[in-house]
């Protein structure tokens, strides 16, 4: 009888251990997914920031070139900005 009870307890504990292990694996997978998504978001954010910085630098160069008396066409060729963008400056 005692052996049967011990076997029952071991079986119950094993089931609990397996369930806990599954929960821990799910938690690790969840955290891993969050981490990957966060890293991807940071990378995309950095790319967007760099792109915006380049555009702002081109605008600043265009402003300076216009102040020096260059034509809008020349400024467009130098900076790569569209004429509509230069006209906004």
PDB file of N, CA and C in Angstrom:
ATOM      1  N   UNK A   1       0.823  -1.187   0.000  1.00  0.00           N
ATOM      2  CA  UNK A   1       0.000   0.000   0.000  1.00  0.00           C
ATOM      3  C   UNK A   1       0.874   1.261   0.000  1.00  0.00           C
ATOM      4  N   UNK A   2       1.916   1.249   0.796  1.00  0.00           N
ATOM      5  CA  UNK A   2       2.795   2.410   0.873  1.00  0.00           C
ATOM      6  C   UNK A   2       3.529   2.612  -0.450  1.00  0.00           C
ATOM      7  N   UNK A   3       3.912   1.558  -1.106  1.00  0.00           N
ATOM      8  CA  UNK A   3       4.589   1.643  -2.396  1.00  0.00           C
ATOM      9  C   UNK A   3       3.649   2.248  -3.437  1.00  0.00           C
ATOM     10  N   UNK A   4       2.400   1.862  -3.366  1.00  0.00           N
ATOM     11  CA  UNK A   4       1.419   2.393  -4.301  1.00  0.00           C
ATOM     12  C   UNK A   4       1.226   3.898  -4.074  1.00  0.00           C
ATOM     13  N   UNK A   5       1.183   4.317  -2.839  1.00  0.00           N
ATOM     14  CA  UNK A   5       1.039   5.741  -2.503  1.00  0.00           C
ATOM     15  C   UNK A   5       2.263   6.520  -2.978  1.00  0.00           C
ATOM     16  N   UNK A   6       3.450   5.969  -2.778  1.00  0.00           N
ATOM     17  CA  UNK A   6       4.678   6.619  -3.230  1.00  0.00           C
ATOM     18  C   UNK A   6       4.671   6.771  -4.740  1.00  0.00           C
ATOM     19  N   UNK A   7       4.257   5.737  -5.441  1.00  0.00           N
ATOM     20  CA  UNK A   7       4.181   5.783  -6.897  1.00  0.00           C
ATOM     21  C   UNK A   7       3.172   6.831  -7.343  1.00  0.00           C
ATOM     22  N   UNK A   8       2.070   6.918  -6.642  1.00  0.00           N
ATOM     23  CA  UNK A   8       1.044   7.917  -6.953  1.00  0.00           C
ATOM     24  C   UNK A   8       1.592   9.329  -6.750  1.00  0.00           C
ATOM     25  N   UNK A   9       2.305   9.543  -5.644  1.00  0.00           N
ATOM     26  CA  UNK A   9       2.899  10.856  -5.360  1.00  0.00           C
ATOM     27  C   UNK A   9       3.933  11.239  -6.412  1.00  0.00           C
ATOM     28  N   UNK A  10       4.753  10.261  -6.793  1.00  0.00           N
ATOM     29  CA  UNK A  10       5.771  10.526  -7.818  1.00  0.00           C
ATOM     30  C   UNK A  10       5.095  10.895  -9.133  1.00  0.00           C
ATOM     31  N   UNK A  11       4.052  10.168  -9.484  1.00  0.00           N
ATOM     32  CA  UNK A  11       3.326  10.447 -10.724  1.00  0.00           C
ATOM     33  C   UNK A  11       2.718  11.843 -10.693  1.00  0.00           C
ATOM     34  N   UNK A  12       2.125  12.203  -9.576  1.00  0.00           N
ATOM     35  CA  UNK A  12       1.536  13.533  -9.433  1.00  0.00           C
ATOM     36  C   UNK A  12       2.611  14.600  -9.524  1.00  0.00           C
ATOM     37  N   UNK A  13       3.720  14.383  -8.857  1.00  0.00           N
ATOM     38  CA  UNK A  13       4.804  15.357  -8.899  1.00  0.00           C
ATOM     39  C   UNK A  13       5.391  15.472 -10.303  1.00  0.00           C
ATOM     40  N   UNK A  14       5.464  14.358 -10.996  1.00  0.00           N
ATOM     41  CA  UNK A  14       5.984  14.388 -12.357  1.00  0.00           C
ATOM     42  C   UNK A  14       5.048  15.202 -13.256  1.00  0.00           C
ATOM     43  N   UNK A  15       3.767  15.009 -13.087  1.00  0.00           N
ATOM     44  CA  UNK A  15       2.800  15.770 -13.878  1.00  0.00           C
ATOM     45  C   UNK A  15       2.918  17.262 -13.569  1.00  0.00           C
ATOM     46  N   UNK A  16       3.080  17.588 -12.282  1.00  0.00           N
ATOM     47  CA  UNK A  16       3.264  18.986 -11.906  1.00  0.00           C
ATOM     48  C   UNK A  16       4.563  19.532 -12.470  1.00  0.00           C
ATOM     49  N   UNK A  17       5.629  18.727 -12.411  1.00  0.00           N
ATOM     50  CA  UNK A  17       6.932  19.147 -12.927  1.00  0.00           C
ATOM     51  C   UNK A  17       6.849  19.403 -14.427  1.00  0.00           C
ATOM     52  N   UNK A  18       6.177  18.501 -15.134  1.00  0.00           N
ATOM     53  CA  UNK A  18       6.025  18.668 -16.579  1.00  0.00           C
ATOM     54  C   UNK A  18       5.232  19.934 -16.890  1.00  0.00           C
ATOM     55  N   UNK A  19       4.168  20.167 -16.168  1.00  0.00           N
ATOM     56  CA  UNK A  19       3.359  21.365 -16.388  1.00  0.00           C
ATOM     57  C   UNK A  19       4.165  22.625 -16.091  1.00  0.00           C
ATOM     58  N   UNK A  20       4.929  22.600 -15.001  1.00  0.00           N
ATOM     59  CA  UNK A  20       5.762  23.754 -14.668  1.00  0.00           C
ATOM     60  C   UNK A  20       6.811  23.975 -15.756  1.00  0.00           C
ATOM     61  N   UNK A  21       7.407  22.914 -16.243  1.00  0.00           N
ATOM     62  CA  UNK A  21       8.401  23.006 -17.306  1.00  0.00           C
ATOM     63  C   UNK A  21       7.777  23.618 -18.564  1.00  0.00           C
ATOM     64  N   UNK A  22       6.581  23.169 -18.914  1.00  0.00           N
ATOM     65  CA  UNK A  22       5.886  23.726 -20.081  1.00  0.00           C
ATOM     66  C   UNK A  22       5.607  25.216 -19.901  1.00  0.00           C
ATOM     67  N   UNK A  23       5.207  25.593 -18.705  1.00  0.00           N
ATOM     68  CA  UNK A  23       4.930  27.005 -18.431  1.00  0.00           C
ATOM     69  C   UNK A  23       6.207  27.835 -18.539  1.00  0.00           C
ATOM     70  N   UNK A  24       7.305  27.299 -18.015  1.00  0.00           N
ATOM     71  CA  UNK A  24       8.573  28.011 -18.097  1.00  0.00           C
ATOM     72  C   UNK A  24       9.033  28.157 -19.541  1.00  0.00           C
ATOM     73  N   UNK A  25       8.851  27.113 -20.326  1.00  0.00           N
ATOM     74  CA  UNK A  25       9.227  27.179 -21.742  1.00  0.00           C
ATOM     75  C   UNK A  25       8.366  28.213 -22.474  1.00  0.00           C
ATOM     76  N   UNK A  26       7.084  28.242 -22.167  1.00  0.00           N
ATOM     77  CA  UNK A  26       6.194  29.225 -22.788  1.00  0.00           C
ATOM     78  C   UNK A  26       6.628  30.633 -22.403  1.00  0.00           C
ATOM     79  N   UNK A  27       6.995  30.824 -21.147  1.00  0.00           N
ATOM     80  CA  UNK A  27       7.464  32.133 -20.679  1.00  0.00           C
ATOM     81  C   UNK A  27       8.749  32.530 -21.396  1.00  0.00           C
ATOM     82  N   UNK A  28       9.677  31.584 -21.548  1.00  0.00           N
ATOM     83  CA  UNK A  28      10.933  31.871 -22.260  1.00  0.00           C
ATOM     84  C   UNK A  28      10.661  32.226 -23.717  1.00  0.00           C
ATOM     85  N   UNK A  29       9.755  31.476 -24.353  1.00  0.00           N
ATOM     86  CA  UNK A  29       9.401  31.769 -25.738  1.00  0.00           C
ATOM     87  C   UNK A  29       8.780  33.154 -25.861  1.00  0.00           C
ATOM     88  N   UNK A  30       7.913  33.482 -24.922  1.00  0.00           N
ATOM     89  CA  UNK A  30       7.258  34.788 -24.915  1.00  0.00           C
ATOM     90  C   UNK A  30       8.287  35.903 -24.772  1.00  0.00           C
ATOM     91  N   UNK A  31       9.186  35.741 -23.802  1.00  0.00           N
ATOM     92  CA  UNK A  31      10.217  36.757 -23.574  1.00  0.00           C
ATOM     93  C   UNK A  31      11.169  36.860 -24.759  1.00  0.00           C
ATOM     94  N   UNK A  32      11.486  35.736 -25.357  1.00  0.00           N
ATOM     95  CA  UNK A  32      12.356  35.739 -26.526  1.00  0.00           C
ATOM     96  C   UNK A  32      11.692  36.487 -27.676  1.00  0.00           C
ATOM     97  N   UNK A  33      10.406  36.250 -27.859  1.00  0.00           N
ATOM     98  CA  UNK A  33       9.656  36.956 -28.894  1.00  0.00           C
ATOM     99  C   UNK A  33       9.609  38.442 -28.639  1.00  0.00           C
ATOM    100  N   UNK A  34       9.394  38.816 -27.390  1.00  0.00           N
ATOM    101  CA  UNK A  34       9.388  40.242 -27.042  1.00  0.00           C
ATOM    102  C   UNK A  34      10.742  40.873 -27.307  1.00  0.00           C
ATOM    103  N   UNK A  35      11.779  40.173 -26.921  1.00  0.00           N
ATOM    104  CA  UNK A  35      13.130  40.681 -27.119  1.00  0.00           C
ATOM    105  C   UNK A  35      13.422  40.871 -28.602  1.00  0.00           C
ATOM    106  N   UNK A  36      13.057  39.897 -29.408  1.00  0.00           N
ATOM    107  CA  UNK A  36      13.288  39.995 -30.850  1.00  0.00           C
ATOM    108  C   UNK A  36      12.494  41.155 -31.441  1.00  0.00           C
ATOM    109  N   UNK A  37      11.258  41.302 -31.020  1.00  0.00           N
ATOM    110  CA  UNK A  37      10.423  42.393 -31.526  1.00  0.00           C
ATOM    111  C   UNK A  37      10.984  43.738 -31.104  1.00  0.00           C
ATOM    112  N   UNK A  38      11.451  43.820 -29.867  1.00  0.00           N
ATOM    113  CA  UNK A  38      12.026  45.069 -29.378  1.00  0.00           C
ATOM    114  C   UNK A  38      13.288  45.419 -30.163  1.00  0.00           C
ATOM    115  N   UNK A  39      14.153  44.429 -30.379  1.00  0.00           N
ATOM    116  CA  UNK A  39      15.373  44.682 -31.137  1.00  0.00           C
ATOM    117  C   UNK A  39      15.063  45.106 -32.563  1.00  0.00           C
ATOM    118  N   UNK A  40      14.070  44.469 -33.156  1.00  0.00           N
ATOM    119  CA  UNK A  40      13.672  44.845 -34.509  1.00  0.00           C
ATOM    120  C   UNK A  40      13.126  46.266 -34.529  1.00  0.00           C
ATOM    121  N   UNK A  41      12.331  46.600 -33.522  1.00  0.00           N
ATOM    122  CA  UNK A  41      11.781  47.952 -33.425  1.00  0.00           C
ATOM    123  C   UNK A  41      12.870  48.989 -33.242  1.00  0.00           C
ATOM    124  N   UNK A  42      13.855  48.666 -32.415  1.00  0.00           N
ATOM    125  CA  UNK A  42      14.972  49.595 -32.200  1.00  0.00           C
ATOM    126  C   UNK A  42      15.740  49.791 -33.491  1.00  0.00           C
ATOM    127  N   UNK A  43      15.984  48.696 -34.197  1.00  0.00           N
ATOM    128  CA  UNK A  43      16.731  48.776 -35.451  1.00  0.00           C
ATOM    129  C   UNK A  43      15.984  49.617 -36.480  1.00  0.00           C
ATOM    130  N   UNK A  44      14.674  49.383 -36.598  1.00  0.00           N
ATOM    131  CA  UNK A  44      13.874  50.172 -37.537  1.00  0.00           C
ATOM    132  C   UNK A  44      13.848  51.640 -37.121  1.00  0.00           C
ATOM    133  N   UNK A  45      13.741  51.874 -35.828  1.00  0.00           N
ATOM    134  CA  UNK A  45      13.742  53.249 -35.333  1.00  0.00           C
ATOM    135  C   UNK A  45      15.056  53.955 -35.635  1.00  0.00           C
ATOM    136  N   UNK A  46      16.154  53.241 -35.484  1.00  0.00           N
ATOM    137  CA  UNK A  46      17.452  53.826 -35.789  1.00  0.00           C
ATOM    138  C   UNK A  46      17.553  54.139 -37.280  1.00  0.00           C
ATOM    139  N   UNK A  47      17.092  53.223 -38.125  1.00  0.00           N
ATOM    140  CA  UNK A  47      17.119  53.459 -39.569  1.00  0.00           C
ATOM    141  C   UNK A  47      16.284  54.680 -39.938  1.00  0.00           C
ATOM    142  N   UNK A  48      15.113  54.790 -39.319  1.00  0.00           N
ATOM    143  CA  UNK A  48      14.254  55.941 -39.591  1.00  0.00           C
ATOM    144  C   UNK A  48      14.913  57.233 -39.112  1.00  0.00           C
ATOM    145  N   UNK A  49      15.542  57.173 -37.941  1.00  0.00           N
ATOM    146  CA  UNK A  49      16.224  58.353 -37.416  1.00  0.00           C
ATOM    147  C   UNK A  49      17.375  58.795 -38.306  1.00  0.00           C
ATOM    148  N   UNK A  50      18.126  57.836 -38.793  1.00  0.00           N
ATOM    149  CA  UNK A  50      19.233  58.156 -39.695  1.00  0.00           C
ATOM    150  C   UNK A  50      18.708  58.778 -40.981  1.00  0.00           C
ATOM    151  N   UNK A  51      17.640  58.196 -41.532  1.00  0.00           N
ATOM    152  CA  UNK A  51      17.044  58.730 -42.760  1.00  0.00           C
ATOM    153  C   UNK A  51      16.542  60.160 -42.534  1.00  0.00           C
ATOM    154  N   UNK A  52      15.889  60.389 -41.416  1.00  0.00           N
ATOM    155  CA  UNK A  52      15.399  61.744 -41.118  1.00  0.00           C
ATOM    156  C   UNK A  52      16.554  62.720 -40.937  1.00  0.00           C
ATOM    157  N   UNK A  53      17.614  62.243 -40.309  1.00  0.00           N
ATOM    158  CA  UNK A  53      18.800  63.089 -40.134  1.00  0.00           C
ATOM    159  C   UNK A  53      19.423  63.474 -41.461  1.00  0.00           C
ATOM    160  N   UNK A  54      19.471  62.518 -42.376  1.00  0.00           N
ATOM    161  CA  UNK A  54      20.024  62.815 -43.707  1.00  0.00           C
ATOM    162  C   UNK A  54      19.173  63.843 -44.440  1.00  0.00           C
ATOM    163  N   UNK A  55      17.864  63.692 -44.347  1.00  0.00           N
ATOM    164  CA  UNK A  55      16.971  64.643 -44.998  1.00  0.00           C
ATOM    165  C   UNK A  55      17.138  66.027 -44.392  1.00  0.00           C
ATOM    166  N   UNK A  56      17.215  66.084 -43.068  1.00  0.00           N
ATOM    167  CA  UNK A  56      17.377  67.386 -42.407  1.00  0.00           C
ATOM    168  C   UNK A  56      18.720  68.013 -42.766  1.00  0.00           C
ATOM    169  N   UNK A  57      19.764  67.199 -42.883  1.00  0.00           N
ATOM    170  CA  UNK A  57      21.080  67.720 -43.282  1.00  0.00           C
ATOM    171  C   UNK A  57      21.016  68.267 -44.707  1.00  0.00           C
ATOM    172  N   UNK A  58      20.303  67.558 -45.602  1.00  0.00           N
ATOM    173  CA  UNK A  58      20.150  68.034 -46.978  1.00  0.00           C
ATOM    174  C   UNK A  58      19.372  69.345 -47.004  1.00  0.00           C
ATOM    175  N   UNK A  59      18.364  69.458 -46.169  1.00  0.00           N
ATOM    176  CA  UNK A  59      17.594  70.711 -46.096  1.00  0.00           C
ATOM    177  C   UNK A  59      18.462  71.860 -45.596  1.00  0.00           C
ATOM    178  N   UNK A  60      19.268  71.577 -44.584  1.00  0.00           N
ATOM    179  CA  UNK A  60      20.155  72.613 -44.047  1.00  0.00           C
ATOM    180  C   UNK A  60      21.165  73.050 -45.106  1.00  0.00           C
ATOM    181  N   UNK A  61      21.714  72.090 -45.828  1.00  0.00           N
ATOM    182  CA  UNK A  61      22.652  72.417 -46.911  1.00  0.00           C
ATOM    183  C   UNK A  61      21.946  73.245 -47.982  1.00  0.00           C
ATOM    184  N   UNK A  62      20.724  72.900 -48.286  1.00  0.00           N
ATOM    185  CA  UNK A  62      19.958  73.645 -49.285  1.00  0.00           C
ATOM    186  C   UNK A  62      19.718  75.075 -48.815  1.00  0.00           C
ATOM    187  N   UNK A  63      19.358  75.248 -47.550  1.00  0.00           N
ATOM    188  CA  UNK A  63      19.166  76.607 -47.022  1.00  0.00           C
ATOM    189  C   UNK A  63      20.443  77.427 -47.153  1.00  0.00           C
ATOM    190  N   UNK A  64      21.548  76.812 -46.778  1.00  0.00           N
ATOM    191  CA  UNK A  64      22.832  77.512 -46.856  1.00  0.00           C
ATOM    192  C   UNK A  64      23.181  77.862 -48.304  1.00  0.00           C
ATOM    193  N   UNK A  65      22.957  76.930 -49.217  1.00  0.00           N
ATOM    194  CA  UNK A  65      23.269  77.168 -50.625  1.00  0.00           C
ATOM    195  C   UNK A  65      22.388  78.281 -51.198  1.00  0.00           C
ATOM    196  N   UNK A  66      21.124  78.289 -50.818  1.00  0.00           N
ATOM    197  CA  UNK A  66      20.227  79.357 -51.276  1.00  0.00           C
ATOM    198  C   UNK A  66      20.673  80.714 -50.739  1.00  0.00           C
ATOM    199  N   UNK A  67      21.125  80.759 -49.495  1.00  0.00           N
ATOM    200  CA  UNK A  67      21.611  82.007 -48.913  1.00  0.00           C
ATOM    201  C   UNK A  67      22.871  82.503 -49.620  1.00  0.00           C
ATOM    202  N   UNK A  68      23.638  81.572 -50.168  1.00  0.00           N
ATOM    203  CA  UNK A  68      24.845  81.949 -50.901  1.00  0.00           C
ATOM    204  C   UNK A  68      24.537  82.405 -52.317  1.00  0.00           C
ATOM    205  N   UNK A  69      23.280  82.265 -52.720  1.00  0.00           N
ATOM    206  CA  UNK A  69      22.857  82.756 -54.020  1.00  0.00           C
ATOM    207  C   UNK A  69      22.789  81.714 -55.121  1.00  0.00           C
ATOM    208  N   UNK A  70      22.935  80.470 -54.806  1.00  0.00           N
ATOM    209  CA  UNK A  70      22.804  79.439 -55.832  1.00  0.00           C
ATOM    210  C   UNK A  70      21.350  79.339 -56.274  1.00  0.00           C
ATOM    211  N   UNK A  71      21.132  78.939 -57.509  1.00  0.00           N
ATOM    212  CA  UNK A  71      19.766  78.791 -58.013  1.00  0.00           C
ATOM    213  C   UNK A  71      19.118  77.552 -57.396  1.00  0.00           C
ATOM    214  N   UNK A  72      17.807  77.524 -57.464  1.00  0.00           N
ATOM    215  CA  UNK A  72      17.080  76.371 -56.924  1.00  0.00           C
ATOM    216  C   UNK A  72      17.459  75.090 -57.665  1.00  0.00           C
ATOM    217  N   UNK A  73      17.663  75.200 -58.959  1.00  0.00           N
ATOM    218  CA  UNK A  73      18.056  74.040 -59.752  1.00  0.00           C
ATOM    219  C   UNK A  73      19.424  73.519 -59.303  1.00  0.00           C
ATOM    220  N   UNK A  74      20.360  74.431 -59.059  1.00  0.00           N
ATOM    221  CA  UNK A  74      21.684  74.023 -58.592  1.00  0.00           C
ATOM    222  C   UNK A  74      21.592  73.347 -57.219  1.00  0.00           C
ATOM    223  N   UNK A  75      20.785  73.931 -56.352  1.00  0.00           N
ATOM    224  CA  UNK A  75      20.617  73.378 -55.005  1.00  0.00           C
ATOM    225  C   UNK A  75      19.996  71.980 -55.084  1.00  0.00           C
ATOM    226  N   UNK A  76      19.035  71.808 -55.989  1.00  0.00           N
ATOM    227  CA  UNK A  76      18.401  70.500 -56.152  1.00  0.00           C
ATOM    228  C   UNK A  76      19.430  69.467 -56.601  1.00  0.00           C
ATOM    229  N   UNK A  77      20.297  69.832 -57.525  1.00  0.00           N
ATOM    230  CA  UNK A  77      21.326  68.907 -58.001  1.00  0.00           C
ATOM    231  C   UNK A  77      22.334  68.589 -56.898  1.00  0.00           C
ATOM    232  N   UNK A  78      22.699  69.576 -56.127  1.00  0.00           N
ATOM    233  CA  UNK A  78      23.703  69.380 -55.073  1.00  0.00           C
ATOM    234  C   UNK A  78      23.155  68.512 -53.940  1.00  0.00           C
ATOM    235  N   UNK A  79      21.944  68.810 -53.508  1.00  0.00           N
ATOM    236  CA  UNK A  79      21.391  68.146 -52.316  1.00  0.00           C
ATOM    237  C   UNK A  79      20.584  66.891 -52.627  1.00  0.00           C
ATOM    238  N   UNK A  80      20.091  66.774 -53.846  1.00  0.00           N
ATOM    239  CA  UNK A  80      19.245  65.647 -54.189  1.00  0.00           C
ATOM    240  C   UNK A  80      17.796  65.837 -53.755  1.00  0.00           C
ATOM    241  N   UNK A  81      17.492  67.007 -53.232  1.00  0.00           N
ATOM    242  CA  UNK A  81      16.113  67.291 -52.827  1.00  0.00           C
ATOM    243  C   UNK A  81      15.270  67.643 -54.044  1.00  0.00           C
ATOM    244  N   UNK A  82      13.986  67.378 -53.959  1.00  0.00           N
ATOM    245  CA  UNK A  82      13.055  67.734 -55.030  1.00  0.00           C
ATOM    246  C   UNK A  82      12.843  69.239 -55.038  1.00  0.00           C
ATOM    247  N   UNK A  83      12.514  69.747 -56.204  1.00  0.00           N
ATOM    248  CA  UNK A  83      12.269  71.191 -56.322  1.00  0.00           C
ATOM    249  C   UNK A  83      11.153  71.634 -55.379  1.00  0.00           C
ATOM    250  N   UNK A  84      10.139  70.817 -55.227  1.00  0.00           N
ATOM    251  CA  UNK A  84       9.024  71.177 -54.342  1.00  0.00           C
ATOM    252  C   UNK A  84       9.529  71.323 -52.899  1.00  0.00           C
ATOM    253  N   UNK A  85      10.478  70.494 -52.508  1.00  0.00           N
ATOM    254  CA  UNK A  85      11.058  70.572 -51.155  1.00  0.00           C
ATOM    255  C   UNK A  85      11.878  71.857 -51.002  1.00  0.00           C
ATOM    256  N   UNK A  86      12.620  72.194 -52.020  1.00  0.00           N
ATOM    257  CA  UNK A  86      13.460  73.402 -51.977  1.00  0.00           C
ATOM    258  C   UNK A  86      12.591  74.642 -51.924  1.00  0.00           C
ATOM    259  N   UNK A  87      11.491  74.635 -52.646  1.00  0.00           N
ATOM    260  CA  UNK A  87      10.587  75.788 -52.658  1.00  0.00           C
ATOM    261  C   UNK A  87       9.956  76.009 -51.291  1.00  0.00           C
ATOM    262  N   UNK A  88       9.814  74.956 -50.499  1.00  0.00           N
ATOM    263  CA  UNK A  88       9.256  75.081 -49.150  1.00  0.00           C
ATOM    264  C   UNK A  88      10.229  75.789 -48.204  1.00  0.00           C
ATOM    265  N   UNK A  89      11.511  75.718 -48.528  1.00  0.00           N
ATOM    266  CA  UNK A  89      12.505  76.320 -47.639  1.00  0.00           C
ATOM    267  C   UNK A  89      12.443  77.806 -47.784  1.00  0.00           C
TER     268      UNK A  89
END
